[in-house]
Amino acid sequence: MSTTTTSGPLALAVAVTVTVGVLVVLVAALTDGRSAAYGALVGAGIAVVVFAFGAFTVDAVARLMPAASLMVALLTYTLQVLLMLVVFVGLTRSGVLDDGLDRTWLGGAIIAGALAWTLAQLTASARARIPAYETTDEEPFHRPSEGVGPAGEGGAR
């Protein structure tokens, strides 16, 4: 018995999140100007990098060691939260949030990216046909007993 994973849902989630990020940046630029666009760009970038790092890490571990994938998923989630904390503390201490980046658009882009990623990955994963087990030709499920064939062949009389 083996499990199979596919990176299709992950690739779709990246594409959808990047698309939503670009749309948020465009809306920010048109409505609030340059600092809003930069804030949205940084927020969308953070969302894509953090979610992609976690998802591709868990996917790689699930392929190599399926039994360890839950533990790695929990550790990766913890690292993602810590990474977000470090990025926000770094942005706040550097003074960039006060001068060049709009906090509201940065946060909004991260939230929009998180929602887009989650919906895309859930939708793609629900539609993916991933077998739970594999059968081999060497071990068929129904082996006919020796000497007994279908009634049409004269084996069962």
N, C-alpha and C. Protein backbone atom coordinates (compact mmCIF):
# COMPACT_ATOMS: atom_id res chain seq x y z
N MET A 1 0.85 -1.17 0.00
CA MET A 1 0.00 0.00 0.00
C MET A 1 0.90 1.23 0.00
N SER A 2 0.66 2.13 -0.91
CA SER A 2 1.44 3.37 -0.96
C SER A 2 0.51 4.52 -1.29
N THR A 3 0.96 5.69 -0.90
CA THR A 3 0.18 6.88 -1.21
C THR A 3 0.87 7.64 -2.32
N THR A 4 0.10 8.37 -3.06
CA THR A 4 0.63 9.15 -4.17
C THR A 4 0.24 10.60 -3.95
N THR A 5 1.19 11.49 -4.13
CA THR A 5 0.88 12.91 -4.05
C THR A 5 1.17 13.54 -5.39
N THR A 6 0.58 14.65 -5.61
CA THR A 6 0.78 15.36 -6.86
C THR A 6 0.98 16.83 -6.58
N SER A 7 1.81 17.48 -7.36
CA SER A 7 2.04 18.90 -7.14
C SER A 7 1.07 19.76 -7.93
N GLY A 8 0.11 19.15 -8.62
CA GLY A 8 -0.88 19.91 -9.38
C GLY A 8 -1.65 20.91 -8.54
N PRO A 9 -2.21 20.50 -7.40
CA PRO A 9 -2.91 21.47 -6.55
C PRO A 9 -2.00 22.59 -6.06
N LEU A 10 -0.73 22.28 -5.82
CA LEU A 10 0.19 23.30 -5.34
C LEU A 10 0.52 24.31 -6.44
N ALA A 11 0.72 23.82 -7.64
CA ALA A 11 1.01 24.72 -8.75
C ALA A 11 -0.19 25.62 -9.04
N LEU A 12 -1.38 25.06 -8.96
CA LEU A 12 -2.59 25.86 -9.16
C LEU A 12 -2.72 26.91 -8.06
N ALA A 13 -2.43 26.52 -6.82
CA ALA A 13 -2.53 27.47 -5.71
C ALA A 13 -1.54 28.62 -5.88
N VAL A 14 -0.33 28.32 -6.34
CA VAL A 14 0.65 29.38 -6.58
C VAL A 14 0.15 30.32 -7.67
N ALA A 15 -0.34 29.75 -8.77
CA ALA A 15 -0.81 30.57 -9.89
C ALA A 15 -1.98 31.46 -9.47
N VAL A 16 -2.93 30.91 -8.74
CA VAL A 16 -4.10 31.69 -8.32
C VAL A 16 -3.68 32.79 -7.34
N THR A 17 -2.79 32.46 -6.41
CA THR A 17 -2.35 33.44 -5.42
C THR A 17 -1.57 34.58 -6.07
N VAL A 18 -0.72 34.25 -7.04
CA VAL A 18 0.02 35.30 -7.75
C VAL A 18 -0.96 36.18 -8.54
N THR A 19 -1.94 35.57 -9.17
CA THR A 19 -2.94 36.34 -9.92
C THR A 19 -3.71 37.28 -9.01
N VAL A 20 -4.16 36.77 -7.88
CA VAL A 20 -4.88 37.62 -6.92
C VAL A 20 -3.96 38.72 -6.41
N GLY A 21 -2.69 38.40 -6.16
CA GLY A 21 -1.73 39.40 -5.71
C GLY A 21 -1.55 40.53 -6.73
N VAL A 22 -1.46 40.16 -8.00
CA VAL A 22 -1.33 41.17 -9.05
C VAL A 22 -2.57 42.06 -9.10
N LEU A 23 -3.74 41.46 -8.97
CA LEU A 23 -4.98 42.25 -8.97
C LEU A 23 -5.03 43.21 -7.78
N VAL A 24 -4.61 42.72 -6.61
CA VAL A 24 -4.62 43.59 -5.42
C VAL A 24 -3.62 44.74 -5.61
N VAL A 25 -2.46 44.47 -6.18
CA VAL A 25 -1.48 45.52 -6.43
C VAL A 25 -2.04 46.56 -7.40
N LEU A 26 -2.70 46.10 -8.46
CA LEU A 26 -3.30 47.03 -9.42
C LEU A 26 -4.37 47.90 -8.78
N VAL A 27 -5.24 47.30 -7.98
CA VAL A 27 -6.29 48.06 -7.30
C VAL A 27 -5.66 49.05 -6.33
N ALA A 28 -4.64 48.63 -5.60
CA ALA A 28 -3.97 49.53 -4.65
C ALA A 28 -3.33 50.71 -5.37
N ALA A 29 -2.68 50.42 -6.50
CA ALA A 29 -2.02 51.49 -7.25
C ALA A 29 -3.04 52.48 -7.81
N LEU A 30 -4.16 51.99 -8.27
CA LEU A 30 -5.16 52.88 -8.86
C LEU A 30 -5.93 53.68 -7.82
N THR A 31 -6.11 53.12 -6.64
CA THR A 31 -6.93 53.81 -5.65
C THR A 31 -6.12 54.66 -4.67
N ASP A 32 -4.95 54.17 -4.24
CA ASP A 32 -4.22 54.87 -3.17
C ASP A 32 -2.79 55.25 -3.52
N GLY A 33 -2.32 54.91 -4.68
CA GLY A 33 -1.01 55.38 -5.08
C GLY A 33 0.14 54.41 -4.85
N ARG A 34 1.33 54.98 -4.89
CA ARG A 34 2.57 54.19 -4.90
C ARG A 34 2.81 53.41 -3.61
N SER A 35 2.66 54.03 -2.45
CA SER A 35 2.94 53.30 -1.20
C SER A 35 1.96 52.16 -0.98
N ALA A 36 0.72 52.35 -1.41
CA ALA A 36 -0.27 51.28 -1.32
C ALA A 36 0.09 50.13 -2.25
N ALA A 37 0.55 50.46 -3.46
CA ALA A 37 0.94 49.42 -4.40
C ALA A 37 2.15 48.64 -3.88
N TYR A 38 3.12 49.36 -3.32
CA TYR A 38 4.29 48.67 -2.75
C TYR A 38 3.90 47.81 -1.56
N GLY A 39 3.01 48.31 -0.73
CA GLY A 39 2.53 47.52 0.41
C GLY A 39 1.82 46.25 -0.05
N ALA A 40 0.97 46.39 -1.07
CA ALA A 40 0.26 45.23 -1.60
C ALA A 40 1.22 44.25 -2.25
N LEU A 41 2.23 44.78 -2.94
CA LEU A 41 3.22 43.91 -3.59
C LEU A 41 4.00 43.11 -2.56
N VAL A 42 4.44 43.77 -1.51
CA VAL A 42 5.18 43.07 -0.45
C VAL A 42 4.26 42.06 0.24
N GLY A 43 3.03 42.43 0.52
CA GLY A 43 2.09 41.50 1.16
C GLY A 43 1.80 40.28 0.31
N ALA A 44 1.59 40.50 -0.98
CA ALA A 44 1.35 39.36 -1.88
C ALA A 44 2.58 38.48 -1.97
N GLY A 45 3.74 39.09 -2.02
CA GLY A 45 4.99 38.31 -2.06
C GLY A 45 5.19 37.48 -0.80
N ILE A 46 4.90 38.08 0.35
CA ILE A 46 5.01 37.34 1.61
C ILE A 46 4.05 36.15 1.60
N ALA A 47 2.82 36.37 1.17
CA ALA A 47 1.83 35.29 1.15
C ALA A 47 2.29 34.14 0.25
N VAL A 48 2.75 34.47 -0.96
CA VAL A 48 3.17 33.42 -1.88
C VAL A 48 4.38 32.67 -1.33
N VAL A 49 5.38 33.37 -0.83
CA VAL A 49 6.60 32.72 -0.35
C VAL A 49 6.30 31.83 0.86
N VAL A 50 5.57 32.36 1.83
CA VAL A 50 5.31 31.60 3.05
C VAL A 50 4.45 30.37 2.77
N PHE A 51 3.38 30.54 2.01
CA PHE A 51 2.51 29.39 1.73
C PHE A 51 3.18 28.38 0.81
N ALA A 52 3.91 28.84 -0.18
CA ALA A 52 4.60 27.91 -1.09
C ALA A 52 5.67 27.12 -0.34
N PHE A 53 6.42 27.79 0.51
CA PHE A 53 7.45 27.10 1.30
C PHE A 53 6.82 25.96 2.10
N GLY A 54 5.75 26.25 2.81
CA GLY A 54 5.12 25.23 3.64
C GLY A 54 4.51 24.10 2.83
N ALA A 55 3.80 24.44 1.77
CA ALA A 55 3.11 23.42 0.99
C ALA A 55 4.08 22.51 0.25
N PHE A 56 5.11 23.09 -0.37
CA PHE A 56 6.06 22.26 -1.10
C PHE A 56 6.91 21.42 -0.16
N THR A 57 7.20 21.93 1.04
CA THR A 57 7.94 21.15 2.03
C THR A 57 7.12 19.94 2.47
N VAL A 58 5.87 20.16 2.81
CA VAL A 58 5.02 19.04 3.25
C VAL A 58 4.80 18.06 2.10
N ASP A 59 4.63 18.55 0.88
CA ASP A 59 4.44 17.67 -0.27
C ASP A 59 5.67 16.80 -0.50
N ALA A 60 6.87 17.37 -0.37
CA ALA A 60 8.10 16.59 -0.56
C ALA A 60 8.24 15.53 0.52
N VAL A 61 7.93 15.88 1.75
CA VAL A 61 8.03 14.90 2.83
C VAL A 61 6.97 13.81 2.67
N ALA A 62 5.78 14.17 2.23
CA ALA A 62 4.72 13.18 2.02
C ALA A 62 5.11 12.17 0.95
N ARG A 63 5.87 12.61 -0.05
CA ARG A 63 6.34 11.67 -1.07
C ARG A 63 7.42 10.74 -0.54
N LEU A 64 8.32 11.28 0.27
CA LEU A 64 9.46 10.49 0.75
C LEU A 64 9.12 9.65 1.97
N MET A 65 8.45 10.25 2.95
CA MET A 65 8.11 9.55 4.20
C MET A 65 6.69 9.91 4.61
N PRO A 66 5.69 9.22 4.07
CA PRO A 66 4.30 9.58 4.37
C PRO A 66 3.96 9.58 5.86
N ALA A 67 4.61 8.72 6.62
CA ALA A 67 4.30 8.64 8.05
C ALA A 67 4.73 9.90 8.80
N ALA A 68 5.70 10.62 8.28
CA ALA A 68 6.20 11.82 8.96
C ALA A 68 5.52 13.10 8.48
N SER A 69 4.61 12.99 7.53
CA SER A 69 4.06 14.21 6.92
C SER A 69 3.23 15.05 7.90
N LEU A 70 2.51 14.44 8.82
CA LEU A 70 1.72 15.23 9.77
C LEU A 70 2.63 16.01 10.71
N MET A 71 3.68 15.36 11.20
CA MET A 71 4.62 16.04 12.09
C MET A 71 5.29 17.20 11.36
N VAL A 72 5.72 16.97 10.13
CA VAL A 72 6.36 18.02 9.34
C VAL A 72 5.37 19.14 9.04
N ALA A 73 4.12 18.80 8.78
CA ALA A 73 3.11 19.83 8.52
C ALA A 73 2.94 20.74 9.74
N LEU A 74 2.89 20.16 10.93
CA LEU A 74 2.75 20.96 12.14
C LEU A 74 3.99 21.82 12.39
N LEU A 75 5.16 21.25 12.19
CA LEU A 75 6.39 22.03 12.36
C LEU A 75 6.49 23.13 11.31
N THR A 76 6.10 22.83 10.09
CA THR A 76 6.15 23.83 9.03
C THR A 76 5.18 24.97 9.31
N TYR A 77 4.01 24.64 9.82
CA TYR A 77 3.05 25.69 10.18
C TYR A 77 3.65 26.60 11.26
N THR A 78 4.27 26.02 12.25
CA THR A 78 4.91 26.81 13.31
C THR A 78 6.00 27.70 12.72
N LEU A 79 6.81 27.15 11.82
CA LEU A 79 7.85 27.96 11.18
C LEU A 79 7.25 29.07 10.32
N GLN A 80 6.14 28.82 9.68
CA GLN A 80 5.48 29.86 8.88
C GLN A 80 5.02 31.02 9.76
N VAL A 81 4.43 30.71 10.90
CA VAL A 81 3.98 31.75 11.82
C VAL A 81 5.17 32.54 12.34
N LEU A 82 6.24 31.84 12.70
CA LEU A 82 7.45 32.54 13.18
C LEU A 82 8.08 33.38 12.08
N LEU A 83 8.08 32.89 10.85
CA LEU A 83 8.62 33.65 9.73
C LEU A 83 7.83 34.93 9.51
N MET A 84 6.50 34.85 9.59
CA MET A 84 5.66 36.03 9.45
C MET A 84 5.97 37.03 10.56
N LEU A 85 6.14 36.54 11.77
CA LEU A 85 6.47 37.41 12.90
C LEU A 85 7.80 38.11 12.67
N VAL A 86 8.81 37.37 12.25
CA VAL A 86 10.12 37.95 12.00
C VAL A 86 10.05 39.01 10.89
N VAL A 87 9.30 38.72 9.82
CA VAL A 87 9.18 39.68 8.72
C VAL A 87 8.48 40.95 9.20
N PHE A 88 7.40 40.82 9.95
CA PHE A 88 6.69 42.01 10.43
C PHE A 88 7.52 42.81 11.42
N VAL A 89 8.23 42.15 12.31
CA VAL A 89 9.09 42.87 13.25
C VAL A 89 10.20 43.59 12.49
N GLY A 90 10.77 42.90 11.49
CA GLY A 90 11.81 43.53 10.68
C GLY A 90 11.30 44.73 9.91
N LEU A 91 10.13 44.63 9.32
CA LEU A 91 9.55 45.75 8.59
C LEU A 91 9.22 46.92 9.51
N THR A 92 8.71 46.60 10.70
CA THR A 92 8.36 47.65 11.65
C THR A 92 9.60 48.36 12.17
N ARG A 93 10.62 47.61 12.54
CA ARG A 93 11.85 48.21 13.09
C ARG A 93 12.63 48.99 12.04
N SER A 94 12.52 48.58 10.78
CA SER A 94 13.27 49.29 9.74
C SER A 94 12.64 50.63 9.39
N GLY A 95 11.39 50.83 9.78
CA GLY A 95 10.71 52.08 9.47
C GLY A 95 10.08 52.11 8.09
N VAL A 96 10.18 51.01 7.35
CA VAL A 96 9.63 50.95 5.99
C VAL A 96 8.11 51.06 6.01
N LEU A 97 7.48 50.51 7.04
CA LEU A 97 6.02 50.57 7.10
C LEU A 97 5.52 52.00 7.30
N ASP A 98 6.34 52.84 7.87
CA ASP A 98 5.92 54.23 8.07
C ASP A 98 6.16 55.08 6.84
N ASP A 99 7.18 54.74 6.06
CA ASP A 99 7.57 55.60 4.94
C ASP A 99 7.10 55.09 3.59
N GLY A 100 7.48 53.86 3.22
CA GLY A 100 7.27 53.41 1.85
C GLY A 100 6.14 52.44 1.62
N LEU A 101 5.68 51.76 2.67
CA LEU A 101 4.65 50.73 2.51
C LEU A 101 3.41 51.09 3.30
N ASP A 102 2.28 50.88 2.70
CA ASP A 102 1.01 51.09 3.37
C ASP A 102 0.65 49.83 4.15
N ARG A 103 0.52 49.97 5.47
CA ARG A 103 0.22 48.81 6.33
C ARG A 103 -1.10 48.14 5.96
N THR A 104 -2.09 48.93 5.66
CA THR A 104 -3.42 48.39 5.36
C THR A 104 -3.40 47.53 4.11
N TRP A 105 -2.75 48.00 3.06
CA TRP A 105 -2.69 47.23 1.82
C TRP A 105 -1.78 46.02 1.98
N LEU A 106 -0.72 46.13 2.78
CA LEU A 106 0.14 44.98 3.03
C LEU A 106 -0.66 43.87 3.72
N GLY A 107 -1.38 44.24 4.78
CA GLY A 107 -2.20 43.25 5.48
C GLY A 107 -3.32 42.70 4.62
N GLY A 108 -3.95 43.58 3.85
CA GLY A 108 -5.03 43.12 2.98
C GLY A 108 -4.54 42.16 1.90
N ALA A 109 -3.35 42.43 1.36
CA ALA A 109 -2.80 41.53 0.34
C ALA A 109 -2.45 40.18 0.94
N ILE A 110 -1.95 40.17 2.17
CA ILE A 110 -1.65 38.89 2.82
C ILE A 110 -2.93 38.11 3.06
N ILE A 111 -3.97 38.78 3.52
CA ILE A 111 -5.25 38.10 3.76
C ILE A 111 -5.84 37.59 2.44
N ALA A 112 -5.83 38.43 1.41
CA ALA A 112 -6.35 37.99 0.10
C ALA A 112 -5.53 36.82 -0.44
N GLY A 113 -4.22 36.88 -0.28
CA GLY A 113 -3.37 35.77 -0.73
C GLY A 113 -3.65 34.49 0.03
N ALA A 114 -3.84 34.61 1.35
CA ALA A 114 -4.13 33.43 2.17
C ALA A 114 -5.46 32.79 1.76
N LEU A 115 -6.46 33.63 1.53
CA LEU A 115 -7.77 33.10 1.11
C LEU A 115 -7.68 32.47 -0.28
N ALA A 116 -6.98 33.13 -1.19
CA ALA A 116 -6.85 32.59 -2.54
C ALA A 116 -6.10 31.27 -2.52
N TRP A 117 -5.02 31.20 -1.77
CA TRP A 117 -4.23 29.97 -1.67
C TRP A 117 -5.10 28.84 -1.12
N THR A 118 -5.78 29.12 -0.03
CA THR A 118 -6.58 28.08 0.63
C THR A 118 -7.69 27.57 -0.28
N LEU A 119 -8.43 28.48 -0.90
CA LEU A 119 -9.52 28.06 -1.78
C LEU A 119 -9.01 27.30 -3.00
N ALA A 120 -7.92 27.76 -3.60
CA ALA A 120 -7.38 27.08 -4.78
C ALA A 120 -6.86 25.70 -4.43
N GLN A 121 -6.14 25.58 -3.33
CA GLN A 121 -5.60 24.27 -2.97
C GLN A 121 -6.70 23.31 -2.55
N LEU A 122 -7.69 23.79 -1.83
CA LEU A 122 -8.81 22.92 -1.46
C LEU A 122 -9.59 22.45 -2.67
N THR A 123 -9.88 23.36 -3.58
CA THR A 123 -10.62 23.00 -4.79
C THR A 123 -9.84 22.01 -5.64
N ALA A 124 -8.57 22.28 -5.87
CA ALA A 124 -7.75 21.38 -6.70
C ALA A 124 -7.55 20.03 -6.03
N SER A 125 -7.35 20.02 -4.72
CA SER A 125 -7.15 18.76 -4.01
C SER A 125 -8.43 17.92 -3.99
N ALA A 126 -9.57 18.58 -3.87
CA ALA A 126 -10.83 17.84 -3.87
C ALA A 126 -11.13 17.23 -5.23
N ARG A 127 -10.67 17.87 -6.30
CA ARG A 127 -10.92 17.36 -7.65
C ARG A 127 -9.84 16.39 -8.13
N ALA A 128 -8.70 16.34 -7.46
CA ALA A 128 -7.61 15.46 -7.89
C ALA A 128 -7.98 14.01 -7.60
N ARG A 129 -7.62 13.17 -8.52
CA ARG A 129 -7.87 11.74 -8.33
C ARG A 129 -6.57 11.10 -7.88
N ILE A 130 -6.42 10.99 -6.57
CA ILE A 130 -5.21 10.43 -5.98
C ILE A 130 -5.57 9.07 -5.39
N PRO A 131 -4.98 8.00 -5.93
CA PRO A 131 -5.32 6.66 -5.40
C PRO A 131 -4.81 6.47 -3.98
N ALA A 132 -5.60 5.81 -3.18
CA ALA A 132 -5.19 5.52 -1.80
C ALA A 132 -4.28 4.31 -1.74
N TYR A 133 -4.37 3.43 -2.73
CA TYR A 133 -3.51 2.25 -2.77
C TYR A 133 -3.32 1.87 -4.23
N GLU A 134 -2.32 1.05 -4.47
CA GLU A 134 -2.04 0.59 -5.82
C GLU A 134 -2.13 -0.93 -5.86
N THR A 135 -2.71 -1.44 -6.92
CA THR A 135 -2.74 -2.88 -7.11
C THR A 135 -1.70 -3.24 -8.15
N THR A 136 -1.17 -4.43 -8.04
CA THR A 136 -0.20 -4.89 -9.03
C THR A 136 -0.80 -6.05 -9.80
N ASP A 137 -0.27 -6.32 -10.97
CA ASP A 137 -0.76 -7.44 -11.78
C ASP A 137 -0.39 -8.78 -11.16
N GLU A 138 0.61 -8.80 -10.31
CA GLU A 138 1.05 -10.05 -9.70
C GLU A 138 0.07 -10.55 -8.65
N GLU A 139 -0.71 -9.65 -8.07
CA GLU A 139 -1.63 -10.02 -7.01
C GLU A 139 -3.04 -9.54 -7.33
N PRO A 140 -3.72 -10.21 -8.27
CA PRO A 140 -5.09 -9.77 -8.57
C PRO A 140 -6.02 -10.09 -7.40
N PHE A 141 -7.11 -9.37 -7.33
CA PHE A 141 -8.06 -9.56 -6.24
C PHE A 141 -8.80 -10.89 -6.36
N HIS A 142 -9.19 -11.26 -7.56
CA HIS A 142 -9.99 -12.47 -7.74
C HIS A 142 -9.21 -13.47 -8.57
N ARG A 143 -8.73 -14.49 -7.90
CA ARG A 143 -8.04 -15.56 -8.61
C ARG A 143 -9.02 -16.73 -8.75
N PRO A 144 -9.23 -17.20 -9.95
CA PRO A 144 -10.12 -18.36 -10.08
C PRO A 144 -9.44 -19.60 -9.50
N SER A 145 -10.23 -20.42 -8.90
CA SER A 145 -9.70 -21.68 -8.37
C SER A 145 -9.24 -22.54 -9.53
N GLU A 146 -8.25 -23.36 -9.28
CA GLU A 146 -7.72 -24.20 -10.36
C GLU A 146 -8.77 -25.19 -10.81
N GLY A 147 -8.91 -25.34 -12.09
CA GLY A 147 -9.84 -26.29 -12.66
C GLY A 147 -11.25 -25.77 -12.77
N VAL A 148 -11.53 -24.63 -12.22
CA VAL A 148 -12.87 -24.09 -12.27
C VAL A 148 -12.82 -22.83 -13.13
N GLY A 149 -13.53 -22.83 -14.19
CA GLY A 149 -13.59 -21.68 -15.09
C GLY A 149 -15.00 -21.19 -15.19
N PRO A 150 -15.22 -20.20 -15.98
CA PRO A 150 -16.59 -19.71 -16.17
C PRO A 150 -17.48 -20.81 -16.75
N ALA A 151 -18.77 -20.73 -16.48
CA ALA A 151 -19.71 -21.77 -16.92
C ALA A 151 -19.72 -21.92 -18.42
N GLY A 152 -19.49 -20.88 -19.14
CA GLY A 152 -19.48 -20.94 -20.59
C GLY A 152 -18.34 -21.75 -21.16
N GLU A 153 -17.26 -21.91 -20.37
CA GLU A 153 -16.11 -22.66 -20.85
C GLU A 153 -16.18 -24.13 -20.43
N GLY A 154 -17.22 -24.51 -19.73
CA GLY A 154 -17.37 -25.89 -19.35
C GLY A 154 -16.61 -26.26 -18.09
N GLY A 155 -16.12 -25.30 -17.38
CA GLY A 155 -15.34 -25.59 -16.17
C GLY A 155 -16.22 -25.93 -14.98
N ALA A 156 -17.38 -25.35 -14.87
CA ALA A 156 -18.23 -25.60 -13.71
C ALA A 156 -19.43 -26.43 -14.18
N ARG A 157 -19.50 -27.70 -13.77
CA ARG A 157 -20.59 -28.58 -14.18
C ARG A 157 -21.26 -29.19 -13.00
